[in-house]
N, C-alpha and C. Protein backbone atom coordinates (compact mmCIF):
# COMPACT_ATOMS: atom_id res chain seq x y z
N MET A 1 -7.10 1.15 8.17
CA MET A 1 -6.54 0.07 8.26
C MET A 1 -5.48 -0.06 9.38
N LEU A 2 -6.36 -2.05 9.39
CA LEU A 2 -6.01 -2.70 10.85
C LEU A 2 -4.16 -3.21 9.85
N GLU A 3 -3.53 -3.42 10.81
CA GLU A 3 -1.99 -3.98 10.18
C GLU A 3 -2.64 -5.49 10.46
N ARG A 4 -1.92 -6.60 9.50
CA ARG A 4 -2.31 -8.06 9.32
C ARG A 4 -2.61 -8.49 10.65
N HIS A 5 -1.10 -8.38 11.86
CA HIS A 5 -1.27 -8.93 12.59
C HIS A 5 -2.74 -8.44 13.73
N GLU A 6 -3.12 -6.71 13.48
CA GLU A 6 -4.42 -6.53 14.58
C GLU A 6 -6.12 -7.68 13.97
N ALA A 7 -6.00 -8.50 12.91
CA ALA A 7 -7.82 -8.54 12.70
C ALA A 7 -7.81 -9.05 13.61
N GLU A 8 -7.77 -10.21 14.13
CA GLU A 8 -7.71 -11.60 14.83
C GLU A 8 -8.39 -10.47 16.29
N ARG A 9 -6.74 -9.57 16.65
CA ARG A 9 -7.20 -8.89 18.47
C ARG A 9 -8.80 -7.85 17.80
N ALA A 10 -9.01 -7.24 16.66
CA ALA A 10 -9.93 -6.50 16.88
C ALA A 10 -10.92 -7.32 16.63
N THR A 11 -11.10 -8.36 16.46
CA THR A 11 -12.50 -9.04 16.31
C THR A 11 -13.03 -10.05 17.48
N GLN A 12 -12.27 -9.86 17.61
CA GLN A 12 -12.04 -10.41 19.46
C GLN A 12 -12.77 -9.60 20.42
N LEU A 13 -12.11 -8.07 19.95
CA LEU A 13 -13.03 -6.57 20.71
C LEU A 13 -13.61 -6.09 20.36
N GLY A 14 -14.84 -6.88 19.10
CA GLY A 14 -16.21 -6.66 18.50
C GLY A 14 -16.12 -5.35 17.61
N PHE A 15 -15.19 -5.91 16.47
CA PHE A 15 -15.12 -4.57 15.74
C PHE A 15 -15.43 -5.89 14.93
N VAL A 16 -16.33 -5.34 13.35
CA VAL A 16 -16.39 -6.27 12.17
C VAL A 16 -15.08 -5.75 11.38
N VAL A 17 -14.67 -6.73 11.13
CA VAL A 17 -12.73 -6.68 10.13
C VAL A 17 -13.79 -7.19 8.08
N VAL A 18 -13.83 -6.62 7.82
CA VAL A 18 -13.44 -6.61 6.02
C VAL A 18 -11.93 -5.93 5.74
N GLU A 19 -11.97 -7.12 4.59
CA GLU A 19 -10.70 -6.54 3.76
C GLU A 19 -11.27 -5.56 2.34
N ARG A 20 -10.61 -4.54 2.33
CA ARG A 20 -10.67 -2.99 1.28
C ARG A 20 -9.44 -2.84 0.24
N ASN A 21 -8.52 -3.09 0.09
CA ASN A 21 -7.45 -3.07 -1.37
C ASN A 21 -6.13 -4.09 -0.92
N GLU A 22 -7.37 -5.10 -0.18
CA GLU A 22 -6.00 -6.24 0.18
C GLU A 22 -6.03 -6.09 1.45
N ARG A 23 -6.48 -5.27 2.14
CA ARG A 23 -6.42 -4.80 4.04
C ARG A 23 -7.48 -4.61 4.53
N PRO A 24 -6.60 -5.82 5.70
CA PRO A 24 -7.96 -5.64 7.26
C PRO A 24 -8.64 -4.01 7.32
N THR A 25 -9.74 -3.85 7.54
CA THR A 25 -10.04 -2.60 8.07
C THR A 25 -11.95 -2.29 8.40
N PHE A 26 -11.76 -1.55 9.76
CA PHE A 26 -13.15 -1.97 9.82
C PHE A 26 -14.33 -0.48 9.92
N GLY A 27 -14.95 -0.51 9.44
CA GLY A 27 -16.02 0.39 9.12
C GLY A 27 -16.57 1.52 10.14
N GLN A 28 -16.61 2.78 9.56
CA GLN A 28 -16.28 4.48 10.79
C GLN A 28 -17.98 4.73 10.83
N PRO A 29 -18.58 4.83 11.56
CA PRO A 29 -17.66 5.41 12.38
C PRO A 29 -17.49 4.49 14.12
N CYS A 30 -16.43 4.51 13.89
CA CYS A 30 -15.76 3.50 15.19
C CYS A 30 -16.97 3.06 16.24
N PRO A 31 -17.34 1.39 16.15
CA PRO A 31 -18.51 0.87 17.13
C PRO A 31 -17.49 1.31 18.03
N LYS A 32 -16.32 1.49 18.39
CA LYS A 32 -15.45 1.53 20.23
C LYS A 32 -15.30 3.04 20.73
N LEU A 33 -16.56 3.57 19.60
CA LEU A 33 -16.65 5.33 20.20
C LEU A 33 -18.20 5.70 21.24
N GLU A 34 -17.13 5.91 22.49
CA GLU A 34 -18.60 5.86 23.08
C GLU A 34 -18.48 7.40 23.39
N GLY A 35 -19.28 8.44 23.18
CA GLY A 35 -19.61 9.59 23.22
C GLY A 35 -18.37 10.44 22.96
N ASN A 36 -17.69 10.89 23.12
CA ASN A 36 -16.20 11.40 22.48
C ASN A 36 -15.28 10.99 22.81
N ARG A 37 -15.43 9.48 23.25
CA ARG A 37 -13.99 8.77 24.36
C ARG A 37 -14.31 7.41 23.28
N CYS A 38 -12.93 7.23 23.15
CA CYS A 38 -12.24 5.87 23.12
C CYS A 38 -12.34 4.56 23.94
N SER A 39 -13.11 3.30 24.06
CA SER A 39 -13.87 2.72 24.95
C SER A 39 -12.68 2.07 25.18
N ILE A 40 -11.38 1.69 23.77
CA ILE A 40 -10.96 0.21 24.09
C ILE A 40 -9.58 1.27 24.17
N TYR A 41 -8.95 2.49 24.32
CA TYR A 41 -8.23 3.39 24.22
C TYR A 41 -6.37 2.36 24.50
N PRO A 42 -6.80 1.65 25.27
CA PRO A 42 -5.52 1.01 25.64
C PRO A 42 -5.17 0.10 24.54
N ASP A 43 -5.71 -0.58 24.12
CA ASP A 43 -6.03 -1.47 22.73
C ASP A 43 -6.27 -0.99 21.49
N ARG A 44 -6.12 0.36 21.24
CA ARG A 44 -6.78 0.79 19.81
C ARG A 44 -5.55 0.10 18.95
N PRO A 45 -6.10 0.33 17.71
CA PRO A 45 -4.52 -0.07 16.57
C PRO A 45 -4.63 0.34 16.17
N SER A 46 -3.26 0.11 15.90
CA SER A 46 -2.05 1.28 15.48
C SER A 46 -2.88 1.80 14.12
N ALA A 47 -3.05 2.23 13.60
CA ALA A 47 -3.82 3.14 13.06
C ALA A 47 -4.78 4.33 13.31
N CYS A 48 -5.09 3.67 14.71
CA CYS A 48 -6.03 4.59 15.63
C CYS A 48 -4.99 5.53 16.39
N VAL A 49 -3.42 5.06 16.51
CA VAL A 49 -2.15 5.29 17.63
C VAL A 49 -1.92 6.38 16.58
N SER A 50 -1.94 6.26 15.15
CA SER A 50 -1.02 6.89 14.75
C SER A 50 -1.52 7.95 13.84
N TYR A 51 -3.03 7.82 13.61
CA TYR A 51 -4.26 8.87 12.64
C TYR A 51 -3.84 10.37 13.58
N ARG A 52 -4.11 11.72 12.66
CA ARG A 52 -3.76 12.51 13.39
C ARG A 52 -5.03 13.18 12.36
N CYS A 53 -5.85 14.04 12.03
CA CYS A 53 -6.89 15.28 11.47
C CYS A 53 -5.77 15.70 11.30
N ARG A 54 -6.89 16.10 9.95
CA ARG A 54 -5.94 18.10 9.61
C ARG A 54 -6.24 18.86 10.35
N LEU A 55 -6.89 19.08 10.85
CA LEU A 55 -7.51 19.84 12.09
C LEU A 55 -6.23 19.76 12.94
N LEU A 56 -6.03 19.18 13.59
CA LEU A 56 -5.23 18.69 14.42
C LEU A 56 -3.64 18.99 13.56
N ASP A 57 -2.93 18.66 12.69
CA ASP A 57 -2.19 18.98 11.92
C ASP A 57 -2.24 20.37 12.02
N ARG A 58 -2.80 20.85 11.59
CA ARG A 58 -3.25 22.29 11.27
C ARG A 58 -2.40 23.13 12.52
N TYR A 59 -3.59 22.39 13.48
CA TYR A 59 -3.54 23.09 15.39
C TYR A 59 -1.88 23.23 15.55
N LEU A 60 -1.05 21.37 15.34
CA LEU A 60 0.43 22.05 16.04
C LEU A 60 1.75 22.49 14.98
N ALA A 61 0.92 22.96 13.57
CA ALA A 61 2.05 23.63 12.44
C ALA A 61 1.35 25.15 13.00
N GLY A 62 0.49 25.00 14.10
CA GLY A 62 0.17 26.79 14.45
C GLY A 62 -0.65 27.77 13.78
N ASP A 63 -1.48 26.60 12.94
CA ASP A 63 -2.12 27.52 11.30
C ASP A 63 -3.53 28.91 12.33
N VAL A 64 -3.99 27.17 13.56
CA VAL A 64 -5.25 27.49 14.12
C VAL A 64 -5.02 26.97 15.94
N ASP A 65 -5.96 28.43 16.55
CA ASP A 65 -5.47 28.20 17.86
C ASP A 65 -6.49 27.12 18.52
N LYS A 66 -6.51 27.63 19.57
CA LYS A 66 -7.08 26.14 20.47
C LYS A 66 -8.51 26.60 20.31
N ASP A 67 -9.03 28.07 20.11
CA ASP A 67 -10.34 28.46 20.05
C ASP A 67 -11.30 27.89 19.00
N GLN A 68 -9.78 28.54 17.34
CA GLN A 68 -10.85 28.24 16.25
C GLN A 68 -10.35 26.62 16.46
N ALA A 69 -10.11 26.29 16.82
CA ALA A 69 -10.02 24.30 16.43
C ALA A 69 -11.28 23.89 17.62
N ARG A 70 -11.27 24.62 18.60
CA ARG A 70 -12.73 23.80 19.11
C ARG A 70 -14.07 24.38 18.56
N ALA A 71 -14.19 26.12 18.20
CA ALA A 71 -15.20 26.37 17.36
C ALA A 71 -15.41 25.36 16.10
N LEU A 72 -14.29 24.51 15.21
CA LEU A 72 -14.57 23.48 14.14
C LEU A 72 -15.20 22.67 15.01
N ILE A 73 -14.31 21.95 15.88
CA ILE A 73 -15.11 20.60 16.64
C ILE A 73 -16.80 20.98 17.00
N ASP A 74 -16.43 21.80 17.32
CA ASP A 74 -18.50 22.58 17.90
C ASP A 74 -19.08 21.97 16.37
N GLU A 75 -18.73 23.08 15.72
CA GLU A 75 -19.61 22.98 14.86
C GLU A 75 -19.57 21.79 14.12
N ALA A 76 -19.00 20.84 13.97
CA ALA A 76 -19.45 19.56 13.63
C ALA A 76 -20.32 18.95 14.23
N ARG A 77 -19.86 19.24 15.74
CA ARG A 77 -21.08 18.55 16.31
C ARG A 77 -22.33 18.89 15.99
N ASP A 78 -22.49 19.79 16.09
CA ASP A 78 -23.89 20.39 15.38
C ASP A 78 -24.27 20.24 14.51
N ARG A 79 -23.55 19.97 13.68
CA ARG A 79 -24.00 19.44 12.57
C ARG A 79 -24.16 18.29 12.37
N VAL A 80 -24.25 17.10 13.23
CA VAL A 80 -24.24 16.25 13.46
C VAL A 80 -25.42 16.17 14.17
N SER A 81 -25.45 16.34 14.86
CA SER A 81 -26.80 16.53 15.86
C SER A 81 -28.00 17.42 15.25
N ARG A 82 -28.00 18.66 14.04
CA ARG A 82 -29.32 18.09 13.37
C ARG A 82 -29.83 17.09 12.69
N LEU A 83 -28.14 16.44 12.03
CA LEU A 83 -28.89 15.27 11.62
C LEU A 83 -29.73 14.62 11.91
N ARG A 84 -28.71 13.80 13.01
CA ARG A 84 -29.54 13.20 13.90
C ARG A 84 -31.02 13.02 14.40
N ALA A 85 -30.91 14.53 14.49
CA ALA A 85 -32.94 15.29 14.65
C ALA A 85 -33.27 15.01 13.56
N LEU A 86 -33.07 14.85 12.53
CA LEU A 86 -33.89 14.92 11.05
C LEU A 86 -34.02 13.03 11.10
N MET A 87 -33.43 12.41 11.27
CA MET A 87 -33.16 11.67 10.64
C MET A 87 -33.28 10.23 12.41
N PRO A 88 -33.69 10.19 13.47
CA PRO A 88 -33.98 9.73 14.54
C PRO A 88 -33.72 8.25 14.13
N GLY A 89 -33.16 7.33 15.06
CA GLY A 89 -32.95 6.43 14.86
C GLY A 89 -31.40 5.74 13.74
N LYS A 90 -31.43 6.53 12.80
CA LYS A 90 -31.27 5.69 11.72
C LYS A 90 -29.38 6.04 12.27
N THR A 91 -28.55 5.22 12.02
CA THR A 91 -26.74 5.24 12.23
C THR A 91 -25.88 6.48 11.33
N MET A 92 -25.19 6.81 11.35
CA MET A 92 -24.84 7.38 10.41
C MET A 92 -24.33 6.73 9.08
N SER A 93 -24.01 5.37 9.61
CA SER A 93 -23.34 4.51 8.04
C SER A 93 -24.92 4.44 7.31
N GLU A 94 -26.23 4.01 8.19
CA GLU A 94 -27.03 3.73 7.43
C GLU A 94 -27.66 5.66 6.02
N LEU A 95 -26.93 6.09 6.86
CA LEU A 95 -27.30 7.40 6.05
C LEU A 95 -26.26 8.32 5.16
N ARG A 96 -25.33 7.61 5.29
CA ARG A 96 -23.74 7.44 4.56
C ARG A 96 -24.54 6.61 3.53
N ARG A 97 -24.74 5.09 3.53
CA ARG A 97 -25.19 4.10 2.33
C ARG A 97 -26.31 4.60 1.38
N ARG A 98 -27.58 5.66 2.43
CA ARG A 98 -29.10 5.84 1.51
C ARG A 98 -28.01 7.14 0.60
N TRP A 99 -27.18 7.64 1.42
CA TRP A 99 -26.80 8.71 0.54
C TRP A 99 -25.69 8.83 -0.87
N ALA A 100 -24.84 7.41 -0.07
CA ALA A 100 -24.29 6.89 -1.89
C ALA A 100 -24.95 6.46 -3.15
N ARG A 101 -26.65 6.28 -2.72
CA ARG A 101 -26.97 5.93 -4.08
C ARG A 101 -27.96 6.63 -4.48
N GLY A 102 -27.64 7.95 -3.69
CA GLY A 102 -28.41 9.55 -4.52
C GLY A 102 -30.39 9.20 -4.03
N VAL A 103 -30.33 10.40 -3.95
CA VAL A 103 -31.42 11.06 -3.52
C VAL A 103 -33.11 10.22 -4.67
N ASP A 104 -32.88 9.61 -5.00
CA ASP A 104 -34.00 8.88 -5.78
C ASP A 104 -34.00 7.67 -4.76
N GLY A 105 -32.68 7.17 -4.18
CA GLY A 105 -32.84 5.83 -3.63
C GLY A 105 -32.69 6.66 -2.37
N PHE A 106 -32.84 7.84 -1.86
CA PHE A 106 -32.71 7.56 -0.48
C PHE A 106 -34.51 8.36 0.18
N LEU A 107 -34.72 8.72 -1.14
CA LEU A 107 -36.61 9.63 -0.22
C LEU A 107 -37.20 8.02 -0.73
N SER A 108 -38.15 7.86 0.53
CA SER A 108 -39.20 6.75 0.33
C SER A 108 -40.93 6.83 -0.38
N GLY A 109 -40.62 8.06 -0.88
CA GLY A 109 -41.72 8.06 -1.94
C GLY A 109 -42.85 8.59 -0.74
N ASN A 110 -42.86 8.63 0.56
CA ASN A 110 -43.31 9.21 1.23
C ASN A 110 -44.02 10.67 1.35
N PRO A 111 -44.78 11.18 1.13
CA PRO A 111 -45.01 12.29 0.86
C PRO A 111 -44.52 13.02 2.25
N ASP A 112 -45.01 12.23 3.21
CA ASP A 112 -45.54 12.73 4.19
C ASP A 112 -42.99 13.03 4.99
N SER A 113 -42.96 12.39 4.58
CA SER A 113 -41.24 12.24 5.84
C SER A 113 -40.21 12.34 3.91
N ALA A 114 -40.91 12.65 3.09
CA ALA A 114 -39.90 13.59 1.87
C ALA A 114 -39.07 14.33 2.12
N GLU A 115 -39.95 15.73 3.25
CA GLU A 115 -39.51 16.68 2.68
C GLU A 115 -38.31 16.37 4.15
N THR A 116 -38.64 16.08 4.74
CA THR A 116 -37.53 15.77 6.04
C THR A 116 -36.48 14.98 5.33
N GLU A 117 -36.55 14.01 4.36
CA GLU A 117 -35.61 13.25 3.88
C GLU A 117 -34.42 13.94 2.63
N CYS A 118 -35.14 14.80 2.51
CA CYS A 118 -34.20 15.64 1.18
C CYS A 118 -33.46 17.07 3.05
N ARG A 119 -33.98 17.44 3.39
CA ARG A 119 -33.30 18.06 4.34
C ARG A 119 -32.06 17.26 5.22
N ALA A 120 -32.39 16.05 5.60
CA ALA A 120 -31.21 15.18 5.67
C ALA A 120 -30.11 14.96 4.59
N PHE A 121 -30.59 14.65 3.54
CA PHE A 121 -29.65 14.28 2.21
C PHE A 121 -28.74 16.00 1.93
N VAL A 122 -29.73 17.13 2.23
CA VAL A 122 -29.02 18.48 2.16
C VAL A 122 -27.82 18.48 3.48
N GLU A 123 -27.97 17.59 4.81
CA GLU A 123 -27.32 18.39 5.81
C GLU A 123 -26.38 17.10 5.91
N LEU A 124 -26.68 15.67 5.04
CA LEU A 124 -25.27 15.23 4.95
C LEU A 124 -24.73 15.25 4.03
N THR A 125 -25.01 15.79 3.03
CA THR A 125 -23.75 16.54 1.60
C THR A 125 -23.20 17.40 2.41
N ALA A 126 -23.54 18.54 3.28
CA ALA A 126 -22.69 19.32 3.95
C ALA A 126 -22.00 18.93 4.76
N LEU A 127 -22.42 18.36 5.63
CA LEU A 127 -21.93 17.67 6.87
C LEU A 127 -20.67 16.69 6.07
N GLY A 128 -20.47 16.37 5.48
CA GLY A 128 -19.64 15.13 4.59
C GLY A 128 -18.88 16.58 3.95
N VAL A 129 -18.94 17.43 3.68
CA VAL A 129 -17.88 18.91 3.01
C VAL A 129 -17.19 19.85 3.60
N PHE A 130 -17.98 19.72 4.58
CA PHE A 130 -17.00 20.32 6.48
C PHE A 130 -15.97 19.31 6.54
N LEU A 131 -16.89 17.78 6.69
CA LEU A 131 -15.54 16.94 7.70
C LEU A 131 -13.98 17.01 6.59
N ASP A 132 -14.70 17.05 5.41
CA ASP A 132 -13.41 17.29 3.91
C ASP A 132 -12.61 18.38 4.30
N ARG A 133 -12.86 19.69 4.34
CA ARG A 133 -12.57 20.78 4.36
C ARG A 133 -11.66 20.57 5.96
N TYR A 134 -12.10 20.40 6.89
CA TYR A 134 -11.49 21.09 7.84
C TYR A 134 -10.98 19.63 9.15
N PHE A 135 -11.36 18.23 8.61
CA PHE A 135 -10.75 17.19 9.33
C PHE A 135 -10.41 15.81 9.06
N VAL A 136 -11.25 15.75 7.17
CA VAL A 136 -9.86 14.95 6.79
C VAL A 136 -8.71 14.99 5.85
N LEU A 137 -7.78 13.88 6.08
CA LEU A 137 -6.57 14.41 4.92
C LEU A 137 -7.27 14.68 3.59
N ASP A 138 -5.91 15.72 3.32
CA ASP A 138 -6.25 15.38 2.13
C ASP A 138 -5.27 13.50 1.60
N ARG A 139 -5.92 13.78 -0.03
CA ARG A 139 -4.77 12.06 -0.75
C ARG A 139 -4.13 12.19 -0.39
N GLU A 140 -2.95 13.03 -0.58
CA GLU A 140 -1.37 12.92 -0.91
C GLU A 140 -1.02 12.31 0.79
N SER A 141 -1.16 13.29 1.62
CA SER A 141 -1.28 13.07 3.02
C SER A 141 -1.96 12.14 3.73
N LYS A 142 -2.62 11.14 3.24
CA LYS A 142 -2.83 10.00 3.41
C LYS A 142 -2.61 9.14 2.93
N GLN A 143 -1.38 8.89 1.60
CA GLN A 143 -0.40 7.98 1.02
C GLN A 143 0.42 7.97 1.59
N VAL A 144 0.93 9.47 2.21
CA VAL A 144 2.32 9.77 2.90
C VAL A 144 2.25 8.59 4.19
N ILE A 145 1.15 8.65 4.55
CA ILE A 145 0.54 8.29 5.89
C ILE A 145 1.15 6.47 5.80
N GLU A 146 -0.29 6.56 5.29
CA GLU A 146 -0.10 4.65 4.67
C GLU A 146 1.61 4.19 4.13
N ARG A 147 2.14 4.87 3.60
CA ARG A 147 3.68 4.18 3.08
C ARG A 147 4.21 3.90 4.29
N GLN A 148 3.99 5.25 5.81
CA GLN A 148 4.93 5.12 6.96
C GLN A 148 4.47 3.27 7.32
N ILE A 149 2.56 3.42 7.19
CA ILE A 149 2.27 2.48 8.01
C ILE A 149 3.08 0.82 7.46
N VAL A 150 3.06 1.12 6.19
CA VAL A 150 3.13 -0.80 5.69
C VAL A 150 4.93 -0.36 5.90
N THR A 151 5.25 0.74 5.19
CA THR A 151 6.88 0.41 5.52
C THR A 151 7.14 0.16 6.71
């Protein structure tokens, strides 16, 4: 989510800003992510400045050490790489939209590509579960952070 006053600047920086739940936001993956780095780091939105994923919170709390955190990050990257190898040229956003429509909408009907598409569907589902488990904040934590940002 963006602060209202950030929406115009985000558009100038090349974000596609949309309204969601009466707040401006932009889609993920972030269009300003280049490799593993933010290409607009000094100008990034306040939500990016304040964001801490579940893994970082666990690391800062001492629940995981640096090696464990690195292993989880590496596994996430491996999962994304496997998915991209199955569906080259497709963005993660495109794959997620297809995934959201379900298997019937995901499959092209072409028997030569159906097996690959089914594997990609399974990989994308597994990736989502993995990211939710180790990286995405639970709903309660998200709500606390959103309240802090709004107030």
